[in-house]
Protein backbone atom coordinates (compact mmCIF):
# COMPACT_ATOMS: atom_id res chain seq x y z
CA UNK A 1 15.99 27.37 -27.61
CA UNK A 2 17.65 24.22 -26.23
CA UNK A 3 16.53 21.12 -24.40
CA UNK A 4 19.46 21.34 -22.00
CA UNK A 5 20.58 24.06 -19.61
CA UNK A 6 24.38 24.46 -19.42
CA UNK A 7 25.75 24.11 -15.91
CA UNK A 8 28.28 26.41 -14.29
CA UNK A 9 31.82 26.12 -15.76
CA UNK A 10 33.26 24.35 -12.72
CA UNK A 11 36.13 22.66 -14.62
CA UNK A 12 37.29 26.01 -16.00
CA UNK A 13 36.91 27.34 -12.45
CA UNK A 14 39.29 24.68 -11.11
CA UNK A 15 41.76 25.54 -13.92
CA UNK A 16 41.70 29.18 -12.83
CA UNK A 17 42.15 28.32 -9.13
CA UNK A 18 45.22 26.22 -9.98
CA UNK A 19 46.65 29.01 -12.14
CA UNK A 20 46.17 31.65 -9.43
CA UNK A 21 47.51 29.35 -6.68
CA UNK A 22 50.62 28.56 -8.71
CA UNK A 23 51.23 32.22 -9.54
CA UNK A 24 50.94 33.10 -5.84
CA UNK A 25 53.38 30.31 -4.83
CA UNK A 26 56.00 31.58 -7.34
CA UNK A 27 56.03 35.21 -6.15
CA UNK A 28 59.04 34.69 -3.87
CA UNK A 29 61.34 33.33 -6.56
CA UNK A 30 64.37 35.36 -7.66
CA UNK A 31 63.81 34.46 -11.32
CA UNK A 32 60.26 34.67 -12.64
CA UNK A 33 58.57 31.51 -13.91
CA UNK A 34 55.49 31.63 -16.10
CA UNK A 35 52.26 29.75 -15.40
CA UNK A 36 49.87 28.28 -17.96
CA UNK A 37 46.95 25.88 -18.13
CA UNK A 38 46.52 23.86 -21.29
CA UNK A 39 48.11 21.42 -23.74
CA UNK A 40 51.66 20.17 -23.29
CA UNK A 41 52.86 21.25 -26.74
CA UNK A 42 51.97 24.93 -26.38
CA UNK A 43 54.79 27.24 -27.58
CA UNK A 44 57.16 28.09 -24.71
CA UNK A 45 58.58 31.54 -24.04
CA UNK A 46 60.92 31.11 -21.08
CA UNK A 47 60.60 28.91 -17.99
CA UNK A 48 57.05 27.79 -17.38
CA UNK A 49 54.92 25.57 -15.13
CA UNK A 50 51.93 24.11 -16.97
CA UNK A 51 48.79 22.42 -15.63
CA UNK A 52 47.38 19.92 -18.13
CA UNK A 53 43.99 18.27 -17.39
CA UNK A 54 44.47 14.82 -18.91
CA UNK A 55 41.68 12.78 -17.29
CA UNK A 56 38.28 13.13 -15.60
CA UNK A 57 36.94 10.33 -13.37
CA UNK A 58 33.50 9.99 -11.77
CA UNK A 59 33.60 10.29 -8.00
CA UNK A 60 32.16 7.01 -6.77
CA UNK A 61 31.51 8.37 -3.27
CA UNK A 62 28.77 10.66 -4.60
CA UNK A 63 27.48 8.61 -7.54
CA UNK A 64 23.67 8.71 -7.51
CA UNK A 65 23.61 10.28 -4.04
CA UNK A 66 21.72 13.34 -2.88
CA UNK A 67 23.83 16.30 -1.89
CA UNK A 68 24.26 16.36 1.92
CA UNK A 69 23.82 20.14 1.75
CA UNK A 70 20.19 19.90 0.65
CA UNK A 71 19.44 16.49 2.23
CA UNK A 72 17.53 13.56 0.90
CA UNK A 73 14.34 14.33 -0.99
CA UNK A 74 13.54 11.03 -2.62
CA UNK A 75 14.79 7.47 -2.28
CA UNK A 76 16.94 7.86 -5.40
CA UNK A 77 17.98 11.43 -4.61
CA UNK A 78 18.72 14.35 -6.92
CA UNK A 79 22.50 13.94 -7.21
CA UNK A 80 25.03 16.39 -8.64
CA UNK A 81 27.58 15.37 -11.25
CA UNK A 82 30.54 14.43 -9.00
CA UNK A 83 34.02 14.34 -10.57
CA UNK A 84 37.69 13.90 -9.79
CA UNK A 85 40.01 15.91 -12.07
CA UNK A 86 43.51 14.58 -12.76
CA UNK A 87 46.22 17.04 -13.81
CA UNK A 88 49.81 16.83 -14.97
CA UNK A 89 51.94 19.67 -13.56
CA UNK A 90 54.98 19.99 -15.86
CA UNK A 91 58.15 22.04 -15.47
CA UNK A 92 59.24 23.29 -18.90
CA UNK A 93 62.59 25.21 -18.89
CA UNK A 94 62.02 26.66 -22.34
CA UNK A 95 64.81 27.17 -24.87
CA UNK A 96 68.35 26.38 -23.75
CA UNK A 97 70.79 29.24 -23.13
CA UNK A 98 74.56 29.39 -22.83
CA UNK A 99 74.40 29.38 -19.04
CA UNK A 100 72.42 26.10 -18.96
CA UNK A 101 70.60 27.00 -15.73
CA UNK A 102 67.06 26.83 -17.09
CA UNK A 103 66.27 23.57 -15.28
CA UNK A 104 67.38 25.08 -11.96
CA UNK A 105 64.93 27.94 -12.35
CA UNK A 106 61.92 25.87 -13.31
CA UNK A 107 62.74 23.17 -10.74
CA UNK A 108 62.80 25.81 -8.02
CA UNK A 109 59.36 26.90 -9.17
CA UNK A 110 58.05 23.31 -9.15
CA UNK A 111 59.41 22.80 -5.65
CA UNK A 112 57.73 26.00 -4.42
CA UNK A 113 54.34 24.96 -5.83
CA UNK A 114 54.56 21.42 -4.45
CA UNK A 115 55.51 22.77 -1.04
CA UNK A 116 52.61 25.22 -1.07
CA UNK A 117 50.11 22.50 -2.00
CA UNK A 118 51.56 20.19 0.65
CA UNK A 119 51.05 22.80 3.37
CA UNK A 120 47.72 24.08 2.05
CA UNK A 121 45.98 21.32 0.11
CA UNK A 122 42.36 21.97 1.13
CA UNK A 123 40.49 24.95 -0.28
CA UNK A 124 37.00 25.98 0.75
CA UNK A 125 35.00 28.63 -1.04
CA UNK A 126 36.36 31.33 1.31
CA UNK A 127 39.98 30.10 1.46
CA UNK A 128 42.48 32.84 0.33
CA UNK A 129 44.43 31.93 -2.79
CA UNK A 130 46.04 35.23 -3.80
CA UNK A 131 47.27 38.55 -2.35
CA UNK A 132 47.52 42.01 -3.80
CA UNK A 133 44.58 42.21 -4.09
CA UNK A 134 43.37 39.53 -1.67
CA UNK A 135 41.20 36.96 -3.37
CA UNK A 136 39.51 33.75 -2.23
CA UNK A 137 38.43 30.67 -4.19
CA UNK A 138 34.96 32.19 -4.61
CA UNK A 139 36.46 35.43 -5.98
CA UNK A 140 38.62 33.58 -8.48
CA UNK A 141 35.98 31.06 -9.64
CA UNK A 142 32.39 31.97 -8.88
CA UNK A 143 31.31 28.72 -10.61
CA UNK A 144 32.52 26.82 -7.53
CA UNK A 145 30.16 28.66 -5.17
CA UNK A 146 27.87 25.61 -4.79
CA UNK A 147 30.58 23.01 -4.19
CA UNK A 148 29.62 20.37 -1.63
CA UNK A 149 33.05 19.80 -0.09
CA UNK A 150 36.29 21.81 -0.10
CA UNK A 151 38.63 21.16 -3.01
CA UNK A 152 41.37 18.72 -2.05
CA UNK A 153 44.51 18.93 -4.20
CA UNK A 154 46.66 15.87 -3.57
CA UNK A 155 49.65 14.23 -5.31
CA UNK A 156 48.56 11.48 -7.70
CA UNK A 157 51.03 8.70 -8.52
CA UNK A 158 51.55 8.35 -12.25
CA UNK A 159 53.38 5.46 -13.94
CA UNK A 160 56.29 6.51 -16.15
CA UNK A 161 54.61 4.72 -19.07
CA UNK A 162 51.48 6.83 -18.66
CA UNK A 163 53.48 10.04 -18.38
CA UNK A 164 55.56 9.16 -21.44
CA UNK A 165 52.41 8.38 -23.43
CA UNK A 166 50.96 11.77 -22.50
CA UNK A 167 54.06 13.62 -23.65
CA UNK A 168 54.22 11.63 -26.86
CA UNK A 169 50.87 13.11 -27.88
CA UNK A 170 52.57 16.52 -28.28
CA UNK A 171 55.50 17.88 -30.20
CA UNK A 172 57.76 18.57 -27.20
CA UNK A 173 60.23 16.26 -25.54
CA UNK A 174 59.47 14.75 -22.14
CA UNK A 175 59.64 17.25 -19.27
CA UNK A 176 59.72 16.71 -15.52
CA UNK A 177 56.10 16.26 -14.44
CA UNK A 178 54.07 15.35 -11.35
CA UNK A 179 50.45 14.21 -11.14
CA UNK A 180 47.77 15.85 -8.97
CA UNK A 181 44.15 14.88 -8.27
CA UNK A 182 41.54 17.53 -7.50
CA UNK A 183 38.36 16.41 -5.79
CA UNK A 184 35.52 16.74 -4.99
CA UNK A 185 34.42 18.72 -8.06
CA UNK A 186 30.63 18.86 -8.44
CA UNK A 187 28.38 20.22 -11.15
CA UNK A 188 24.95 20.99 -9.62
CA UNK A 189 21.94 19.40 -11.41
CA UNK A 190 20.28 21.85 -13.78
CA UNK A 191 16.86 20.20 -13.93
CA UNK A 192 14.30 21.37 -11.42
CA UNK A 193 13.51 18.90 -8.67
CA UNK A 194 10.17 17.18 -9.22
CA UNK A 195 8.73 15.31 -6.29
CA UNK A 196 7.72 11.71 -6.92
CA UNK A 197 4.31 10.22 -6.20
CA UNK A 198 3.21 10.25 -2.57
CA UNK A 199 4.11 7.26 -0.45
CA UNK A 200 1.10 5.12 0.29
CA UNK A 201 0.13 5.15 3.93
CA UNK A 202 -0.69 1.84 5.50
CA UNK A 203 -4.16 1.81 6.99
CA UNK A 204 -4.64 -0.13 10.20
CA UNK A 205 -8.31 -0.42 11.18
CA UNK A 206 -9.20 -0.46 14.86
CA UNK A 207 -12.67 -1.86 15.42
CA UNK A 208 -14.34 -3.40 18.48
CA UNK A 209 -15.22 -6.69 16.81
CA UNK A 210 -15.05 -10.37 17.65
CA UNK A 211 -12.96 -12.80 15.67
CA UNK A 212 -15.29 -15.18 13.80
CA UNK A 213 -15.13 -18.74 15.12
CA UNK A 214 -16.27 -21.57 12.84
CA UNK A 215 -17.81 -24.27 15.05
CA UNK A 216 -19.22 -26.64 12.41
CA UNK A 217 -19.59 -27.20 8.66
CA UNK A 218 -22.37 -29.47 7.39
CA UNK A 219 -21.84 -31.48 5.35
CA UNK A 220 -18.05 -31.66 5.62
CA UNK A 221 -17.88 -32.88 2.01
CA UNK A 222 -19.16 -30.54 -0.67
CA UNK A 223 -19.99 -30.44 -4.35
CA UNK A 224 -21.65 -28.02 -6.76
CA UNK A 225 -25.37 -27.26 -6.23
CA UNK A 226 -25.30 -28.71 -2.72
CA UNK A 227 -25.62 -25.97 -0.06
CA UNK A 228 -23.13 -25.93 2.80
CA UNK A 229 -24.18 -24.65 6.23
CA UNK A 230 -21.45 -22.96 8.24
CA UNK A 231 -22.14 -22.55 11.94
CA UNK A 232 -20.10 -19.55 13.08
CA UNK A 233 -20.19 -17.06 15.92
CA UNK A 234 -18.72 -13.57 16.15
CA UNK A 235 -19.82 -12.51 12.65
CA UNK A 236 -20.14 -8.87 11.66
CA UNK A 237 -22.39 -7.38 8.98
CA UNK A 238 -19.39 -7.07 6.64
CA UNK A 239 -17.77 -10.43 6.01
CA UNK A 240 -16.26 -12.58 3.29
CA UNK A 241 -16.13 -16.34 2.74
CA UNK A 242 -13.30 -17.81 0.68
CA UNK A 243 -12.28 -21.31 -0.40
CA UNK A 244 -8.65 -22.25 -1.05
CA UNK A 245 -7.49 -22.82 -4.63
CA UNK A 246 -5.89 -26.10 -5.75
CA UNK A 247 -3.72 -26.89 -8.76
CA UNK A 248 -5.96 -27.81 -11.67
CA UNK A 249 -8.74 -25.37 -10.78
CA UNK A 250 -10.11 -23.27 -13.65
CA UNK A 251 -9.66 -19.51 -13.77
CA UNK A 252 -12.13 -17.32 -11.89
CA UNK A 253 -13.74 -14.87 -14.36
CA UNK A 254 -14.85 -12.63 -11.47
CA UNK A 255 -11.50 -12.13 -9.70
CA UNK A 256 -10.69 -8.84 -11.48
CA UNK A 257 -7.15 -9.85 -12.48
CA UNK A 258 -5.43 -7.71 -15.15
CA UNK A 259 -5.41 -8.99 -18.74
CA UNK A 260 -7.57 -12.07 -18.05
CA UNK A 261 -7.02 -13.36 -21.59
CA UNK A 262 -3.31 -13.91 -20.87
CA UNK A 263 -3.11 -14.35 -17.08
CA UNK A 264 -4.39 -17.00 -14.68
CA UNK A 265 -6.17 -16.81 -11.34
CA UNK A 266 -3.98 -17.33 -8.28
CA UNK A 267 -6.08 -16.30 -5.29
CA UNK A 268 -8.79 -18.04 -3.31
CA UNK A 269 -12.35 -18.51 -4.52
CA UNK A 270 -14.92 -16.09 -3.10
CA UNK A 271 -18.13 -17.95 -2.21
CA UNK A 272 -21.59 -16.35 -2.26
CA UNK A 273 -22.96 -16.47 1.29
CA UNK A 274 -26.43 -15.93 2.76
CA UNK A 275 -26.97 -15.35 6.50
CA UNK A 276 -28.80 -17.92 8.63
CA UNK A 277 -29.83 -17.97 12.29
CA UNK A 278 -26.54 -19.46 13.44
CA UNK A 279 -24.12 -18.63 10.62
CA UNK A 280 -23.99 -18.69 6.83
CA UNK A 281 -25.16 -20.77 3.87
CA UNK A 282 -22.69 -21.00 0.95
CA UNK A 283 -22.40 -22.72 -2.44
CA UNK A 284 -19.45 -23.73 -4.58
CA UNK A 285 -18.80 -21.28 -7.44
CA UNK A 286 -18.83 -23.88 -10.25
CA UNK A 287 -18.78 -27.60 -11.02
CA UNK A 288 -15.26 -27.82 -12.51
CA UNK A 289 -13.04 -27.07 -9.53
CA UNK A 290 -11.05 -30.21 -8.79
CA UNK A 291 -11.70 -32.57 -5.93
CA UNK A 292 -9.55 -32.25 -2.83
CA UNK A 293 -9.26 -30.90 0.70
CA UNK A 294 -9.32 -27.10 1.03
CA UNK A 295 -9.46 -24.41 3.73
CA UNK A 296 -12.81 -22.62 4.12
CA UNK A 297 -12.19 -19.18 5.65
CA UNK A 298 -14.72 -16.74 7.13
CA UNK A 299 -13.35 -13.19 7.50
CA UNK A 300 -14.84 -10.14 9.21
CA UNK A 301 -14.19 -6.90 7.31
CA UNK A 302 -13.96 -3.19 8.21
CA UNK A 303 -13.19 -0.49 5.63
CA UNK A 304 -12.31 -3.26 3.14
CA UNK A 305 -9.66 -4.61 5.52
CA UNK A 306 -9.62 -7.85 7.48
CA UNK A 307 -10.31 -7.61 11.23
CA UNK A 308 -10.14 -11.32 11.98
CA UNK A 309 -10.91 -14.72 10.50
CA UNK A 310 -11.81 -18.28 11.37
CA UNK A 311 -11.47 -21.39 9.23
CA UNK A 312 -12.29 -25.05 8.82
CA UNK A 313 -11.09 -27.77 6.44
CA UNK A 314 -13.61 -29.13 3.92
CA UNK A 315 -13.36 -31.65 1.07
CA UNK A 316 -14.70 -31.14 -2.45
CA UNK A 317 -15.73 -34.56 -3.78
CA UNK A 318 -16.45 -35.85 -7.32
CA UNK A 319 -20.09 -36.66 -8.14
CA UNK A 320 -21.88 -38.54 -10.92
CA UNK A 321 -24.93 -36.55 -12.08
CA UNK A 322 -26.40 -38.68 -14.88
CA UNK A 323 -25.68 -41.10 -17.73
CA UNK A 324 -26.19 -40.58 -21.46
CA UNK A 325 -28.19 -43.83 -21.64
CA UNK A 326 -29.24 -46.78 -19.51
CA UNK A 327 -26.24 -48.82 -18.43
CA UNK A 328 -25.48 -51.92 -20.49
CA UNK A 329 -22.67 -54.33 -19.70
CA UNK A 330 -19.77 -54.09 -22.15
CA UNK A 331 -20.98 -50.81 -23.70
CA UNK A 332 -19.36 -47.40 -23.40
CA UNK A 333 -21.36 -44.81 -21.49
CA UNK A 334 -20.86 -41.05 -21.15
CA UNK A 335 -21.39 -39.76 -17.62
CA UNK A 336 -22.10 -36.17 -16.63
CA UNK A 337 -19.92 -35.51 -13.60
CA UNK A 338 -18.68 -32.73 -11.32
CA UNK A 339 -15.22 -32.08 -9.87
CA UNK A 340 -13.44 -34.83 -11.84
CA UNK A 341 -9.68 -34.99 -12.24
CA UNK A 342 -7.66 -36.33 -15.22
CA UNK A 343 -6.93 -39.59 -13.39
CA UNK A 344 -9.68 -41.55 -11.67
CA UNK A 345 -12.12 -44.45 -11.67
CA UNK A 346 -15.85 -45.09 -11.93
CA UNK A 347 -17.41 -47.58 -9.53
CA UNK A 348 -20.42 -49.48 -10.90
CA UNK A 349 -21.97 -51.30 -7.95
CA UNK A 350 -18.54 -51.71 -6.35
CA UNK A 351 -16.70 -52.69 -9.55
CA UNK A 352 -14.15 -50.11 -10.64
CA UNK A 353 -13.20 -49.21 -14.20
CA UNK A 354 -10.99 -46.34 -15.41
CA UNK A 355 -12.56 -43.38 -17.11
CA UNK A 356 -11.41 -41.02 -19.87
CA UNK A 357 -12.12 -37.30 -19.55
CA UNK A 358 -14.08 -35.90 -22.48
CA UNK A 359 -14.82 -32.41 -21.13
CA UNK A 360 -14.47 -30.84 -17.66
CA UNK A 361 -17.98 -32.17 -16.88
CA UNK A 362 -18.15 -35.45 -18.85
CA UNK A 363 -16.22 -38.72 -18.76
CA UNK A 364 -16.48 -42.00 -20.73
CA UNK A 365 -16.21 -45.49 -19.24
CA UNK A 366 -16.93 -49.07 -20.28
CA UNK A 367 -19.73 -50.61 -18.20
CA UNK A 368 -18.72 -53.87 -16.44
CA UNK A 369 -21.06 -56.80 -15.69
CA UNK A 370 -24.21 -55.54 -13.92
CA UNK A 371 -27.44 -56.93 -12.47
CA UNK A 372 -30.03 -57.86 -15.06
CA UNK A 373 -32.35 -54.90 -14.37
CA UNK A 374 -33.19 -52.11 -11.94
CA UNK A 375 -30.63 -49.55 -10.81
CA UNK A 376 -27.01 -49.65 -9.69
CA UNK A 377 -25.09 -47.24 -7.44
CA UNK A 378 -22.39 -45.38 -9.41
CA UNK A 379 -19.67 -43.18 -7.92
CA UNK A 380 -16.39 -41.53 -8.84
CA UNK A 381 -12.96 -41.59 -7.32
CA UNK A 382 -10.81 -38.65 -8.47
CA UNK A 383 -7.24 -39.24 -7.43
CA UNK A 384 -7.61 -40.34 -3.80
CA UNK A 385 -10.95 -38.57 -3.18
CA UNK A 386 -14.11 -40.68 -3.41
CA UNK A 387 -17.58 -39.20 -3.81
CA UNK A 388 -21.15 -40.24 -2.96
CA UNK A 389 -23.12 -42.73 -5.05
CA UNK A 390 -25.82 -41.94 -7.58
CA UNK A 391 -28.43 -44.53 -8.64
CA UNK A 392 -28.43 -45.05 -12.43
CA UNK A 393 -30.80 -47.25 -14.47
CA UNK A 394 -29.62 -50.53 -15.97
CA UNK A 395 -30.82 -51.46 -19.46
CA UNK A 396 -33.18 -54.45 -19.48
């Protein structure tokens, strides 16, 4: 048992095609010349032409590409192993004789083969390569039956340094040689094709619905626990109200984001909404979202998809809720607040002092000079956004 299925022996098939082609091209010679496929230093018995496969290159034209025979099946395809084989065709005269004509014989053979490949350099699966009996490429090498393109056998320029280095790897002296490239040689994939996951189909809802139009928002400034009335027409039974997110907002624990312990919220806030006679009544989700101007969007829905939306701009403002004690000039006081930012001021009866943030809902400030008794209006300014006043008691 093995994890891998061996593919057809296509390289050996190309070797055999070259051997048969060369043998056929030499039939008309007066003096026979042998044909072999293999190493350069093989023992020689008489004149011989030898094909030596010295290099295999990937064929970049078919790298990672589906076979055009079967067509595209996936975006990445199911490509074959596409190769270009590079051979050295060498003319070896064998042992010298007294006549000294060995080179003439083997050079005549080399010329005959080069001429045959020049005139007939493209070989399909049914192209004849031998006579007596007649045989085609498919008869000689059945492993090539699934080749994508015909074999193209073309001369391949080879530097003398490369050729010398190849001959130096053997035990024979340098012989006259010529390079040839054989392409396209493909090894079909042996793994069964497995279709990928289905492509998601985009759903486009078509529904006879009006686009919601927001005509008014009251009040236009908002803070936690204060209801906001949205006057809107063209609402459907399925709708959603969202509020834009600003930098500094806390994470939304209800947004369903993955791994909430290590990720942060990025989308808009979804506001709870109750229907009214002329629109909707909404509330802010919490008291720690930062002050600032935001888009308020009302969206009609159908099959969980948007069919239209309307919007208005609203401003979340900072608010003072209460004080830890009655206000006393020169003393520090802790204020419970909503929608504060790291930088801001507290206004005590029109006099501003900076505050320090203790928690998202509390700040500390030093009380300036105040009236002797009664109450004083206190408000916050967070950044450039000012909020309404709250009456706080002054210590007697």
